[in-house]
N, C-alpha and C. Protein backbone atom coordinates (compact mmCIF):
# COMPACT_ATOMS: atom_id res chain seq x y z
N MET A 1 -19.84 -60.98 64.01
CA MET A 1 -21.03 -60.27 64.48
C MET A 1 -20.61 -59.08 65.34
N LYS A 2 -21.20 -57.93 65.06
CA LYS A 2 -20.88 -56.73 65.83
C LYS A 2 -21.46 -56.84 67.24
N LYS A 3 -20.76 -56.21 68.17
CA LYS A 3 -21.28 -56.10 69.53
C LYS A 3 -21.79 -54.68 69.76
N ILE A 4 -22.94 -54.59 70.38
CA ILE A 4 -23.47 -53.30 70.80
C ILE A 4 -23.49 -53.31 72.33
N TYR A 5 -22.73 -52.41 72.92
CA TYR A 5 -22.64 -52.36 74.37
C TYR A 5 -23.78 -51.50 74.93
N CYS A 6 -24.60 -52.12 75.77
CA CYS A 6 -25.83 -51.50 76.25
C CYS A 6 -25.65 -50.99 77.68
N LEU A 7 -25.98 -49.73 77.87
CA LEU A 7 -25.90 -49.10 79.19
C LEU A 7 -27.32 -48.71 79.60
N SER A 8 -27.83 -49.32 80.64
CA SER A 8 -29.23 -49.10 81.01
C SER A 8 -29.37 -47.88 81.92
N GLY A 9 -30.62 -47.58 82.28
CA GLY A 9 -30.92 -46.42 83.10
C GLY A 9 -30.67 -46.69 84.57
N LEU A 10 -30.93 -45.72 85.40
CA LEU A 10 -30.62 -45.69 86.83
C LEU A 10 -30.73 -47.02 87.56
N GLY A 11 -29.64 -47.74 87.62
CA GLY A 11 -29.60 -48.98 88.36
C GLY A 11 -30.32 -50.16 87.72
N ALA A 12 -30.89 -49.95 86.53
CA ALA A 12 -31.69 -51.00 85.88
C ALA A 12 -30.79 -52.09 85.31
N ASP A 13 -31.40 -53.24 85.02
CA ASP A 13 -30.65 -54.34 84.43
C ASP A 13 -31.02 -54.51 82.96
N GLU A 14 -30.66 -55.67 82.39
CA GLU A 14 -30.80 -55.88 80.95
C GLU A 14 -32.23 -56.07 80.49
N ARG A 15 -33.20 -56.20 81.40
CA ARG A 15 -34.58 -56.45 81.00
C ARG A 15 -35.15 -55.34 80.12
N ILE A 16 -34.66 -54.13 80.29
CA ILE A 16 -35.18 -53.02 79.51
C ILE A 16 -34.87 -53.17 78.02
N PHE A 17 -33.87 -53.99 77.69
CA PHE A 17 -33.47 -54.20 76.29
C PHE A 17 -34.07 -55.48 75.70
N ALA A 18 -34.97 -56.12 76.40
CA ALA A 18 -35.44 -57.46 76.04
C ALA A 18 -36.09 -57.53 74.67
N ASN A 19 -36.70 -56.45 74.20
CA ASN A 19 -37.44 -56.49 72.94
C ASN A 19 -36.65 -55.96 71.75
N LEU A 20 -35.38 -55.64 71.95
CA LEU A 20 -34.56 -55.16 70.83
C LEU A 20 -34.11 -56.33 69.98
N ARG A 21 -34.14 -56.12 68.66
CA ARG A 21 -33.67 -57.10 67.69
C ARG A 21 -32.86 -56.35 66.64
N ILE A 22 -31.55 -56.35 66.78
CA ILE A 22 -30.68 -55.60 65.86
C ILE A 22 -30.00 -56.58 64.92
N ASP A 23 -30.15 -56.36 63.62
CA ASP A 23 -29.62 -57.28 62.61
C ASP A 23 -28.11 -57.42 62.74
N GLY A 24 -27.65 -58.68 62.78
CA GLY A 24 -26.23 -58.96 62.76
C GLY A 24 -25.45 -58.42 63.94
N ALA A 25 -26.12 -58.22 65.06
CA ALA A 25 -25.44 -57.64 66.22
C ALA A 25 -25.77 -58.42 67.49
N GLU A 26 -24.81 -58.47 68.38
CA GLU A 26 -25.00 -59.06 69.70
C GLU A 26 -25.08 -57.93 70.72
N LEU A 27 -26.15 -57.93 71.52
CA LEU A 27 -26.30 -56.92 72.57
C LEU A 27 -25.57 -57.39 73.83
N VAL A 28 -24.64 -56.56 74.29
CA VAL A 28 -23.85 -56.89 75.48
C VAL A 28 -24.19 -55.88 76.56
N HIS A 29 -24.89 -56.33 77.60
CA HIS A 29 -25.28 -55.42 78.67
C HIS A 29 -24.13 -55.23 79.64
N LEU A 30 -23.78 -53.97 79.92
CA LEU A 30 -22.69 -53.67 80.84
C LEU A 30 -23.20 -53.62 82.28
N PRO A 31 -22.55 -54.31 83.19
CA PRO A 31 -22.96 -54.26 84.60
C PRO A 31 -22.55 -52.92 85.22
N TRP A 32 -23.09 -52.65 86.39
CA TRP A 32 -22.75 -51.40 87.09
C TRP A 32 -21.46 -51.58 87.88
N PRO A 33 -20.41 -50.82 87.57
CA PRO A 33 -19.18 -50.90 88.37
C PRO A 33 -19.42 -50.34 89.78
N GLU A 34 -18.52 -50.65 90.68
CA GLU A 34 -18.57 -50.06 92.01
C GLU A 34 -18.40 -48.54 91.89
N TYR A 35 -19.11 -47.82 92.69
CA TYR A 35 -19.00 -46.36 92.65
C TYR A 35 -18.53 -45.85 94.00
N ASP A 36 -17.98 -44.66 93.97
CA ASP A 36 -17.59 -43.96 95.18
C ASP A 36 -18.57 -42.81 95.38
N GLU A 37 -18.93 -42.50 96.59
CA GLU A 37 -19.90 -41.44 96.86
C GLU A 37 -19.48 -40.10 96.25
N HIS A 38 -18.19 -39.91 96.07
CA HIS A 38 -17.70 -38.65 95.53
C HIS A 38 -17.50 -38.68 94.02
N ASP A 39 -17.79 -39.82 93.39
CA ASP A 39 -17.69 -39.91 91.93
C ASP A 39 -18.65 -38.94 91.27
N GLU A 40 -18.17 -38.23 90.26
CA GLU A 40 -19.06 -37.49 89.38
C GLU A 40 -19.24 -38.31 88.11
N LEU A 41 -20.18 -37.88 87.28
CA LEU A 41 -20.56 -38.70 86.14
C LEU A 41 -19.38 -39.01 85.20
N PRO A 42 -18.51 -38.04 84.87
CA PRO A 42 -17.37 -38.35 84.00
C PRO A 42 -16.43 -39.39 84.60
N CYS A 43 -16.24 -39.34 85.92
CA CYS A 43 -15.37 -40.32 86.59
C CYS A 43 -15.98 -41.71 86.52
N TYR A 44 -17.29 -41.80 86.75
CA TYR A 44 -17.94 -43.11 86.69
C TYR A 44 -17.94 -43.65 85.27
N ALA A 45 -18.02 -42.74 84.28
CA ALA A 45 -17.96 -43.17 82.89
C ALA A 45 -16.62 -43.83 82.57
N GLN A 46 -15.55 -43.37 83.19
CA GLN A 46 -14.25 -44.01 83.00
C GLN A 46 -14.27 -45.44 83.52
N LYS A 47 -14.92 -45.65 84.65
CA LYS A 47 -15.03 -47.00 85.19
C LYS A 47 -15.85 -47.90 84.26
N MET A 48 -16.92 -47.34 83.72
CA MET A 48 -17.74 -48.11 82.79
C MET A 48 -16.98 -48.40 81.50
N SER A 49 -16.23 -47.42 81.02
CA SER A 49 -15.45 -47.60 79.80
C SER A 49 -14.43 -48.72 79.94
N ALA A 50 -13.87 -48.88 81.14
CA ALA A 50 -12.86 -49.92 81.38
C ALA A 50 -13.42 -51.32 81.19
N LEU A 51 -14.75 -51.47 81.23
CA LEU A 51 -15.38 -52.78 81.03
C LEU A 51 -15.47 -53.15 79.55
N ILE A 52 -15.23 -52.18 78.67
CA ILE A 52 -15.35 -52.40 77.22
C ILE A 52 -13.96 -52.63 76.65
N LYS A 53 -13.69 -53.84 76.22
CA LYS A 53 -12.35 -54.19 75.75
C LYS A 53 -12.17 -53.99 74.25
N ASP A 54 -13.26 -53.90 73.49
CA ASP A 54 -13.17 -53.75 72.03
C ASP A 54 -12.72 -52.34 71.64
N GLU A 55 -12.04 -52.26 70.50
CA GLU A 55 -11.71 -50.96 69.91
C GLU A 55 -12.94 -50.43 69.17
N ASN A 56 -13.09 -49.12 69.16
CA ASN A 56 -14.18 -48.46 68.41
C ASN A 56 -15.55 -49.10 68.65
N PRO A 57 -15.97 -49.19 69.89
CA PRO A 57 -17.23 -49.86 70.18
C PRO A 57 -18.46 -49.06 69.73
N ILE A 58 -19.56 -49.76 69.59
CA ILE A 58 -20.87 -49.13 69.41
C ILE A 58 -21.54 -49.13 70.78
N LEU A 59 -22.02 -47.96 71.19
CA LEU A 59 -22.66 -47.82 72.50
C LEU A 59 -24.13 -47.50 72.34
N LEU A 60 -24.95 -48.14 73.15
CA LEU A 60 -26.39 -47.86 73.19
C LEU A 60 -26.75 -47.56 74.64
N GLY A 61 -27.09 -46.30 74.92
CA GLY A 61 -27.38 -45.90 76.28
C GLY A 61 -28.80 -45.40 76.45
N VAL A 62 -29.44 -45.82 77.53
CA VAL A 62 -30.80 -45.41 77.85
C VAL A 62 -30.79 -44.57 79.12
N SER A 63 -31.44 -43.40 79.06
CA SER A 63 -31.57 -42.53 80.23
C SER A 63 -30.19 -42.21 80.81
N PHE A 64 -29.95 -42.54 82.09
CA PHE A 64 -28.64 -42.30 82.69
C PHE A 64 -27.52 -42.98 81.89
N GLY A 65 -27.82 -44.15 81.34
CA GLY A 65 -26.84 -44.85 80.52
C GLY A 65 -26.44 -44.07 79.27
N GLY A 66 -27.38 -43.28 78.74
CA GLY A 66 -27.06 -42.44 77.59
C GLY A 66 -26.07 -41.34 77.95
N MET A 67 -26.24 -40.77 79.14
CA MET A 67 -25.31 -39.74 79.60
C MET A 67 -23.91 -40.33 79.80
N LEU A 68 -23.86 -41.53 80.35
CA LEU A 68 -22.58 -42.21 80.49
C LEU A 68 -21.95 -42.49 79.13
N ALA A 69 -22.77 -42.90 78.16
CA ALA A 69 -22.26 -43.17 76.81
C ALA A 69 -21.66 -41.92 76.19
N VAL A 70 -22.29 -40.77 76.40
CA VAL A 70 -21.75 -39.50 75.91
C VAL A 70 -20.38 -39.24 76.52
N GLU A 71 -20.27 -39.44 77.82
CA GLU A 71 -18.99 -39.19 78.49
C GLU A 71 -17.91 -40.19 78.04
N ILE A 72 -18.28 -41.43 77.81
CA ILE A 72 -17.32 -42.42 77.32
C ILE A 72 -16.79 -42.02 75.95
N ALA A 73 -17.70 -41.52 75.10
CA ALA A 73 -17.30 -41.12 73.75
C ALA A 73 -16.38 -39.91 73.75
N LYS A 74 -16.31 -39.20 74.86
CA LYS A 74 -15.42 -38.06 74.97
C LYS A 74 -13.99 -38.47 75.35
N ILE A 75 -13.84 -39.71 75.82
CA ILE A 75 -12.51 -40.13 76.29
C ILE A 75 -11.92 -41.27 75.46
N ARG A 76 -12.71 -41.82 74.51
CA ARG A 76 -12.17 -42.88 73.66
C ARG A 76 -12.87 -42.86 72.31
N LYS A 77 -12.23 -43.40 71.32
CA LYS A 77 -12.82 -43.45 69.98
C LYS A 77 -13.92 -44.50 69.95
N VAL A 78 -15.06 -44.12 69.39
CA VAL A 78 -16.19 -45.05 69.26
C VAL A 78 -16.67 -45.05 67.81
N GLU A 79 -17.30 -46.15 67.41
CA GLU A 79 -17.87 -46.21 66.06
C GLU A 79 -19.16 -45.40 66.00
N LYS A 80 -19.99 -45.54 67.01
CA LYS A 80 -21.25 -44.81 67.05
C LYS A 80 -21.81 -44.86 68.46
N VAL A 81 -22.50 -43.80 68.83
CA VAL A 81 -23.23 -43.76 70.10
C VAL A 81 -24.70 -43.51 69.79
N ILE A 82 -25.56 -44.35 70.31
CA ILE A 82 -27.00 -44.17 70.18
C ILE A 82 -27.56 -44.00 71.58
N ILE A 83 -28.26 -42.88 71.82
CA ILE A 83 -28.86 -42.67 73.13
C ILE A 83 -30.38 -42.60 72.97
N VAL A 84 -31.07 -43.18 73.93
CA VAL A 84 -32.52 -43.29 73.89
C VAL A 84 -33.08 -42.77 75.21
N SER A 85 -34.09 -41.88 75.13
CA SER A 85 -34.72 -41.34 76.35
C SER A 85 -33.67 -40.77 77.29
N SER A 86 -32.78 -39.97 76.73
CA SER A 86 -31.64 -39.49 77.50
C SER A 86 -31.34 -38.04 77.16
N ALA A 87 -30.17 -37.58 77.59
CA ALA A 87 -29.74 -36.20 77.35
C ALA A 87 -28.27 -36.18 76.98
N LYS A 88 -27.92 -35.29 76.06
CA LYS A 88 -26.52 -35.17 75.63
C LYS A 88 -25.75 -34.17 76.46
N THR A 89 -26.45 -33.16 77.01
CA THR A 89 -25.82 -32.09 77.77
C THR A 89 -26.71 -31.71 78.95
N LYS A 90 -26.18 -30.89 79.84
CA LYS A 90 -26.96 -30.44 80.99
C LYS A 90 -28.17 -29.61 80.56
N GLU A 91 -28.06 -28.93 79.39
CA GLU A 91 -29.17 -28.09 78.92
C GLU A 91 -30.39 -28.92 78.55
N GLU A 92 -30.22 -30.21 78.30
CA GLU A 92 -31.35 -31.06 77.92
C GLU A 92 -32.03 -31.72 79.12
N ILE A 93 -31.49 -31.51 80.31
CA ILE A 93 -32.07 -32.11 81.51
C ILE A 93 -33.09 -31.14 82.11
N PRO A 94 -34.29 -31.60 82.42
CA PRO A 94 -35.32 -30.71 82.99
C PRO A 94 -34.87 -30.08 84.30
N HIS A 95 -35.40 -28.89 84.57
CA HIS A 95 -35.10 -28.18 85.81
C HIS A 95 -36.24 -28.42 86.80
N PHE A 96 -35.91 -29.00 87.95
CA PHE A 96 -36.94 -29.36 88.92
C PHE A 96 -36.99 -28.39 90.10
N GLY A 97 -36.24 -27.31 90.02
CA GLY A 97 -36.29 -26.30 91.08
C GLY A 97 -35.27 -26.54 92.17
N ARG A 98 -35.04 -25.49 92.97
CA ARG A 98 -34.01 -25.53 94.01
C ARG A 98 -34.30 -26.55 95.09
N PHE A 99 -35.59 -26.68 95.46
CA PHE A 99 -35.94 -27.59 96.54
C PHE A 99 -35.62 -29.03 96.17
N MET A 100 -36.05 -29.43 94.96
CA MET A 100 -35.79 -30.80 94.52
C MET A 100 -34.29 -31.04 94.34
N LYS A 101 -33.59 -30.03 93.84
CA LYS A 101 -32.14 -30.17 93.66
C LYS A 101 -31.48 -30.37 95.03
N PHE A 102 -31.95 -29.65 96.03
CA PHE A 102 -31.40 -29.79 97.38
C PHE A 102 -31.62 -31.21 97.90
N ILE A 103 -32.83 -31.71 97.73
CA ILE A 103 -33.17 -33.05 98.22
C ILE A 103 -32.28 -34.10 97.55
N VAL A 104 -32.08 -33.94 96.26
CA VAL A 104 -31.31 -34.94 95.51
C VAL A 104 -29.83 -34.85 95.85
N THR A 105 -29.27 -33.64 95.81
CA THR A 105 -27.83 -33.50 96.03
C THR A 105 -27.42 -33.78 97.48
N LYS A 106 -28.32 -33.52 98.41
CA LYS A 106 -28.02 -33.82 99.82
C LYS A 106 -28.42 -35.24 100.20
N GLN A 107 -29.02 -35.95 99.26
CA GLN A 107 -29.39 -37.36 99.44
C GLN A 107 -30.26 -37.55 100.69
N VAL A 108 -31.29 -36.73 100.77
CA VAL A 108 -32.22 -36.76 101.90
C VAL A 108 -33.11 -37.99 101.88
N VAL A 109 -33.50 -38.41 100.69
CA VAL A 109 -34.45 -39.52 100.55
C VAL A 109 -33.76 -40.85 100.86
N PRO A 110 -34.35 -41.71 101.69
CA PRO A 110 -33.76 -43.02 101.97
C PRO A 110 -33.58 -43.85 100.70
N ALA A 111 -32.49 -44.59 100.61
CA ALA A 111 -32.19 -45.37 99.40
C ALA A 111 -33.28 -46.37 99.06
N VAL A 112 -33.93 -46.93 100.09
CA VAL A 112 -34.95 -47.95 99.85
C VAL A 112 -36.13 -47.39 99.07
N PHE A 113 -36.34 -46.08 99.14
CA PHE A 113 -37.44 -45.44 98.39
C PHE A 113 -37.34 -45.73 96.91
N PHE A 114 -36.11 -45.83 96.40
CA PHE A 114 -35.90 -46.00 94.96
C PHE A 114 -36.10 -47.43 94.49
N THR A 115 -36.47 -48.30 95.39
CA THR A 115 -36.76 -49.69 95.02
C THR A 115 -38.25 -50.02 95.17
N TRP A 116 -39.05 -49.01 95.42
CA TRP A 116 -40.48 -49.21 95.62
C TRP A 116 -41.25 -48.84 94.35
N PRO A 117 -41.73 -49.80 93.60
CA PRO A 117 -42.60 -49.48 92.46
C PRO A 117 -43.99 -49.09 92.96
N ASN A 118 -44.57 -48.04 92.40
CA ASN A 118 -45.90 -47.61 92.80
C ASN A 118 -46.61 -47.00 91.61
N ARG A 119 -47.86 -46.62 91.80
CA ARG A 119 -48.68 -46.13 90.69
C ARG A 119 -48.09 -44.87 90.06
N PHE A 120 -47.57 -43.97 90.89
CA PHE A 120 -46.99 -42.73 90.37
C PHE A 120 -45.78 -43.04 89.49
N VAL A 121 -44.93 -43.94 89.94
CA VAL A 121 -43.74 -44.32 89.16
C VAL A 121 -44.16 -44.93 87.83
N MET A 122 -45.17 -45.79 87.85
CA MET A 122 -45.65 -46.42 86.62
C MET A 122 -46.12 -45.37 85.62
N GLN A 123 -46.84 -44.37 86.10
CA GLN A 123 -47.33 -43.31 85.23
C GLN A 123 -46.19 -42.47 84.67
N MET A 124 -45.23 -42.13 85.53
CA MET A 124 -44.11 -41.31 85.09
C MET A 124 -43.26 -42.02 84.04
N PHE A 125 -43.06 -43.30 84.22
CA PHE A 125 -42.22 -44.05 83.28
C PHE A 125 -42.99 -44.48 82.03
N GLY A 126 -44.31 -44.43 82.08
CA GLY A 126 -45.10 -44.77 80.91
C GLY A 126 -45.47 -46.24 80.81
N ALA A 127 -45.52 -46.94 81.96
CA ALA A 127 -45.93 -48.34 81.97
C ALA A 127 -47.45 -48.39 82.07
N ALA A 128 -48.10 -48.80 80.98
CA ALA A 128 -49.56 -48.71 80.92
C ALA A 128 -50.26 -50.05 81.03
N ILE A 129 -49.64 -51.12 80.54
CA ILE A 129 -50.29 -52.43 80.55
C ILE A 129 -49.53 -53.37 81.49
N ASP A 130 -50.15 -54.51 81.80
CA ASP A 130 -49.61 -55.39 82.84
C ASP A 130 -48.19 -55.85 82.56
N ILE A 131 -47.87 -56.23 81.33
CA ILE A 131 -46.53 -56.75 81.03
C ILE A 131 -45.47 -55.67 81.26
N GLU A 132 -45.81 -54.42 80.94
CA GLU A 132 -44.88 -53.30 81.17
C GLU A 132 -44.71 -53.04 82.66
N LYS A 133 -45.82 -53.08 83.40
CA LYS A 133 -45.77 -52.84 84.84
C LYS A 133 -44.98 -53.94 85.55
N GLU A 134 -45.18 -55.18 85.14
CA GLU A 134 -44.45 -56.28 85.78
C GLU A 134 -42.96 -56.19 85.49
N MET A 135 -42.61 -55.81 84.26
CA MET A 135 -41.20 -55.64 83.93
C MET A 135 -40.58 -54.56 84.80
N LEU A 136 -41.28 -53.41 84.91
CA LEU A 136 -40.74 -52.29 85.67
C LEU A 136 -40.67 -52.62 87.16
N LYS A 137 -41.68 -53.33 87.68
CA LYS A 137 -41.64 -53.74 89.09
C LYS A 137 -40.42 -54.63 89.36
N GLY A 138 -40.16 -55.56 88.43
CA GLY A 138 -39.02 -56.44 88.60
C GLY A 138 -37.71 -55.69 88.59
N VAL A 139 -37.61 -54.70 87.70
CA VAL A 139 -36.39 -53.89 87.62
C VAL A 139 -36.19 -53.12 88.92
N PHE A 140 -37.24 -52.47 89.40
CA PHE A 140 -37.13 -51.68 90.63
C PHE A 140 -36.76 -52.54 91.83
N ARG A 141 -37.37 -53.70 91.94
CA ARG A 141 -37.10 -54.56 93.10
C ARG A 141 -35.67 -55.10 93.11
N ALA A 142 -35.09 -55.21 91.91
CA ALA A 142 -33.71 -55.70 91.81
C ALA A 142 -32.68 -54.58 91.84
N THR A 143 -33.15 -53.34 91.91
CA THR A 143 -32.27 -52.18 91.83
C THR A 143 -31.55 -51.92 93.15
N ASP A 144 -30.31 -51.46 93.04
CA ASP A 144 -29.56 -50.99 94.20
C ASP A 144 -29.98 -49.55 94.48
N GLY A 145 -30.77 -49.34 95.51
CA GLY A 145 -31.28 -48.00 95.81
C GLY A 145 -30.19 -46.99 96.09
N TYR A 146 -29.08 -47.44 96.66
CA TYR A 146 -27.96 -46.53 96.94
C TYR A 146 -27.32 -46.05 95.65
N LEU A 147 -27.22 -46.95 94.67
CA LEU A 147 -26.69 -46.57 93.36
C LEU A 147 -27.59 -45.54 92.69
N VAL A 148 -28.90 -45.76 92.76
CA VAL A 148 -29.84 -44.82 92.15
C VAL A 148 -29.75 -43.46 92.82
N ARG A 149 -29.70 -43.44 94.13
CA ARG A 149 -29.61 -42.18 94.86
C ARG A 149 -28.33 -41.42 94.50
N TRP A 150 -27.23 -42.16 94.41
CA TRP A 150 -25.97 -41.52 93.99
C TRP A 150 -26.07 -41.00 92.56
N ALA A 151 -26.64 -41.81 91.65
CA ALA A 151 -26.72 -41.43 90.24
C ALA A 151 -27.58 -40.19 90.04
N MET A 152 -28.67 -40.07 90.79
CA MET A 152 -29.51 -38.88 90.68
C MET A 152 -28.75 -37.62 91.10
N LYS A 153 -27.92 -37.78 92.12
CA LYS A 153 -27.07 -36.66 92.54
C LYS A 153 -26.07 -36.33 91.42
N ALA A 154 -25.46 -37.37 90.82
CA ALA A 154 -24.48 -37.15 89.75
C ALA A 154 -25.10 -36.45 88.55
N ILE A 155 -26.34 -36.79 88.25
CA ILE A 155 -27.03 -36.12 87.13
C ILE A 155 -27.24 -34.65 87.43
N GLN A 156 -27.68 -34.35 88.64
CA GLN A 156 -27.91 -32.95 89.03
C GLN A 156 -26.62 -32.14 88.99
N LEU A 157 -25.49 -32.77 89.26
CA LEU A 157 -24.21 -32.07 89.28
C LEU A 157 -23.48 -32.13 87.93
N TRP A 158 -24.07 -32.80 86.96
CA TRP A 158 -23.45 -32.93 85.63
C TRP A 158 -23.39 -31.57 84.96
N ARG A 159 -22.23 -31.21 84.47
CA ARG A 159 -22.03 -29.88 83.88
C ARG A 159 -21.68 -29.95 82.40
N ASN A 160 -21.92 -31.10 81.79
CA ASN A 160 -21.49 -31.28 80.41
C ASN A 160 -22.21 -30.33 79.45
N SER A 161 -21.45 -29.69 78.57
CA SER A 161 -22.04 -28.79 77.57
C SER A 161 -21.62 -29.15 76.15
N THR A 162 -20.80 -30.19 75.98
CA THR A 162 -20.36 -30.60 74.66
C THR A 162 -20.53 -32.10 74.49
N TYR A 163 -20.56 -32.53 73.25
CA TYR A 163 -20.61 -33.96 72.99
C TYR A 163 -19.95 -34.25 71.65
N PRO A 164 -19.28 -35.37 71.53
CA PRO A 164 -18.62 -35.72 70.28
C PRO A 164 -19.59 -36.38 69.32
N GLU A 165 -19.23 -36.39 68.07
CA GLU A 165 -19.98 -37.17 67.09
C GLU A 165 -19.21 -38.47 66.85
N PRO A 166 -19.84 -39.53 66.36
CA PRO A 166 -21.24 -39.59 65.94
C PRO A 166 -22.19 -40.02 67.07
N ILE A 167 -23.17 -39.20 67.37
CA ILE A 167 -24.20 -39.53 68.35
C ILE A 167 -25.57 -39.45 67.68
N VAL A 168 -26.37 -40.47 67.86
CA VAL A 168 -27.74 -40.50 67.37
C VAL A 168 -28.67 -40.45 68.58
N HIS A 169 -29.56 -39.49 68.60
CA HIS A 169 -30.44 -39.27 69.75
C HIS A 169 -31.87 -39.62 69.36
N ILE A 170 -32.45 -40.59 70.08
CA ILE A 170 -33.85 -41.01 69.86
C ILE A 170 -34.63 -40.67 71.12
N HIS A 171 -35.74 -39.96 70.95
CA HIS A 171 -36.49 -39.52 72.14
C HIS A 171 -37.99 -39.65 71.89
N GLY A 172 -38.73 -39.78 72.98
CA GLY A 172 -40.18 -39.88 72.90
C GLY A 172 -40.85 -38.56 73.20
N ASP A 173 -41.91 -38.24 72.45
CA ASP A 173 -42.59 -36.96 72.66
C ASP A 173 -43.53 -36.98 73.86
N ALA A 174 -43.61 -38.16 74.54
CA ALA A 174 -44.45 -38.26 75.75
C ALA A 174 -43.62 -38.63 76.97
N ASP A 175 -42.32 -38.38 76.92
CA ASP A 175 -41.43 -38.71 78.04
C ASP A 175 -41.70 -37.74 79.20
N LYS A 176 -42.04 -38.28 80.37
CA LYS A 176 -42.32 -37.44 81.54
C LYS A 176 -41.13 -37.34 82.49
N ILE A 177 -40.05 -38.06 82.20
CA ILE A 177 -38.86 -38.02 83.05
C ILE A 177 -37.85 -37.02 82.49
N ILE A 178 -37.41 -37.25 81.27
CA ILE A 178 -36.57 -36.29 80.56
C ILE A 178 -37.47 -35.67 79.49
N THR A 179 -38.13 -34.61 79.88
CA THR A 179 -39.22 -34.04 79.09
C THR A 179 -38.73 -33.45 77.76
N PRO A 180 -39.56 -33.53 76.72
CA PRO A 180 -39.10 -33.22 75.37
C PRO A 180 -38.80 -31.75 75.07
N GLU A 181 -39.27 -30.81 75.90
CA GLU A 181 -39.11 -29.41 75.51
C GLU A 181 -37.66 -28.95 75.45
N TYR A 182 -36.77 -29.65 76.14
CA TYR A 182 -35.35 -29.25 76.14
C TYR A 182 -34.51 -30.09 75.17
N ILE A 183 -35.10 -31.08 74.55
CA ILE A 183 -34.36 -32.08 73.80
C ILE A 183 -34.22 -31.70 72.32
N HIS A 184 -33.04 -31.95 71.77
CA HIS A 184 -32.78 -31.80 70.33
C HIS A 184 -32.43 -33.18 69.79
N ALA A 185 -33.46 -33.92 69.41
CA ALA A 185 -33.29 -35.31 68.99
C ALA A 185 -33.17 -35.44 67.48
N ASP A 186 -32.56 -36.53 67.06
CA ASP A 186 -32.51 -36.86 65.63
C ASP A 186 -33.78 -37.58 65.20
N TYR A 187 -34.36 -38.34 66.11
CA TYR A 187 -35.59 -39.09 65.83
C TYR A 187 -36.55 -38.91 66.99
N TRP A 188 -37.81 -38.67 66.66
CA TRP A 188 -38.86 -38.57 67.67
C TRP A 188 -39.81 -39.75 67.52
N ILE A 189 -40.13 -40.39 68.63
CA ILE A 189 -41.09 -41.49 68.65
C ILE A 189 -42.42 -40.95 69.19
N LYS A 190 -43.44 -40.99 68.35
CA LYS A 190 -44.76 -40.48 68.75
C LYS A 190 -45.32 -41.36 69.87
N GLY A 191 -45.71 -40.71 70.96
CA GLY A 191 -46.25 -41.45 72.11
C GLY A 191 -45.19 -42.18 72.92
N GLY A 192 -43.93 -41.91 72.61
CA GLY A 192 -42.85 -42.61 73.29
C GLY A 192 -42.65 -42.10 74.72
N SER A 193 -42.68 -43.03 75.67
CA SER A 193 -42.49 -42.69 77.09
C SER A 193 -41.03 -42.97 77.47
N HIS A 194 -40.74 -42.92 78.77
CA HIS A 194 -39.36 -43.13 79.21
C HIS A 194 -38.94 -44.59 79.08
N ILE A 195 -39.89 -45.52 78.96
CA ILE A 195 -39.53 -46.93 78.75
C ILE A 195 -39.83 -47.37 77.31
N MET A 196 -39.75 -46.42 76.39
CA MET A 196 -40.10 -46.76 75.01
C MET A 196 -39.13 -47.75 74.37
N ILE A 197 -37.92 -47.87 74.90
CA ILE A 197 -37.01 -48.88 74.34
C ILE A 197 -37.57 -50.28 74.57
N TYR A 198 -38.50 -50.40 75.52
CA TYR A 198 -39.15 -51.66 75.80
C TYR A 198 -40.50 -51.76 75.08
N ASN A 199 -41.34 -50.72 75.20
CA ASN A 199 -42.68 -50.84 74.64
C ASN A 199 -42.86 -50.18 73.27
N LYS A 200 -41.80 -49.56 72.75
CA LYS A 200 -41.81 -49.07 71.36
C LYS A 200 -40.59 -49.64 70.62
N ALA A 201 -40.21 -50.85 71.03
CA ALA A 201 -38.96 -51.44 70.54
C ALA A 201 -38.95 -51.64 69.03
N GLU A 202 -40.11 -51.94 68.43
CA GLU A 202 -40.14 -52.18 66.98
C GLU A 202 -39.70 -50.94 66.20
N GLU A 203 -40.18 -49.76 66.63
CA GLU A 203 -39.78 -48.52 65.96
C GLU A 203 -38.30 -48.21 66.19
N ILE A 204 -37.85 -48.47 67.41
CA ILE A 204 -36.45 -48.19 67.72
C ILE A 204 -35.53 -49.18 67.01
N ASN A 205 -35.96 -50.44 66.90
CA ASN A 205 -35.21 -51.42 66.10
C ASN A 205 -34.98 -50.90 64.68
N THR A 206 -36.03 -50.39 64.08
CA THR A 206 -35.95 -49.90 62.70
C THR A 206 -34.93 -48.78 62.58
N ILE A 207 -34.97 -47.84 63.51
CA ILE A 207 -34.04 -46.70 63.47
C ILE A 207 -32.60 -47.17 63.66
N ILE A 208 -32.36 -48.02 64.65
CA ILE A 208 -31.00 -48.46 64.91
C ILE A 208 -30.46 -49.28 63.75
N ASN A 209 -31.27 -50.18 63.21
CA ASN A 209 -30.83 -50.96 62.05
C ASN A 209 -30.47 -50.07 60.88
N LYS A 210 -31.27 -49.04 60.65
CA LYS A 210 -30.98 -48.10 59.56
C LYS A 210 -29.67 -47.36 59.81
N GLU A 211 -29.49 -46.90 61.04
CA GLU A 211 -28.29 -46.14 61.39
C GLU A 211 -27.03 -46.97 61.23
N LEU A 212 -27.08 -48.23 61.63
CA LEU A 212 -25.90 -49.07 61.54
C LEU A 212 -25.59 -49.43 60.09
N LYS A 213 -26.62 -49.56 59.27
CA LYS A 213 -26.40 -49.82 57.85
C LYS A 213 -25.83 -48.60 57.13
N ASN A 214 -26.26 -47.42 57.56
CA ASN A 214 -25.83 -46.19 56.89
C ASN A 214 -24.47 -45.70 57.36
N GLY A 215 -23.92 -46.31 58.42
CA GLY A 215 -22.65 -45.84 58.93
C GLY A 215 -22.81 -44.57 59.70
N ASN A 216 -21.81 -43.73 59.67
CA ASN A 216 -21.81 -42.47 60.43
C ASN A 216 -22.57 -41.40 59.69
N ARG A 217 -23.85 -41.31 60.00
CA ARG A 217 -24.72 -40.38 59.28
C ARG A 217 -24.42 -38.94 59.62
N LEU A 218 -24.12 -38.65 60.89
CA LEU A 218 -24.02 -37.26 61.33
C LEU A 218 -22.74 -36.61 60.88
């Protein structure tokens, strides 16, 4: 049975992958390695890569995890990389202006802020019904706020402009976090929000199963 190594979004755990069903594959969620405040995203990707012992792994990254998967694929041979609700390069990340960049890079916001689920967060992530909200609340409450604060800084400082193949990019046209206007995706999910890997899992299952059966499409 093939293993698919799953990299979740900002400090999140394996719950975001709960509804995935990939034929003939075992989903292996990678834990968050220890980080250093001065780590940049490529450096942290090396730490994450060290957790993967298999040769030519298949990587599945969501949001921040997708960016890490791109960086891992630049330093080791992989069979395939699938990123969901994520970005391949700095050009695909939305621009939030100088003020927001200052707040993030200077880490002005207290770390505990990133563990507080609220109505605004639910709307931004696309959690519309109770089961989605409860899942997201659980993820936030279990999140290491310091890790999230560091990761947001690392994303803002990410300078990546290239990516290796094979990478398959799946994105939602209703994503309010990594907004679609900058994205060049291989597959678009209609109505897909930032948590579509959870609430649009059936469509994403179909795409991933097709991609793995077809081999290296790109």
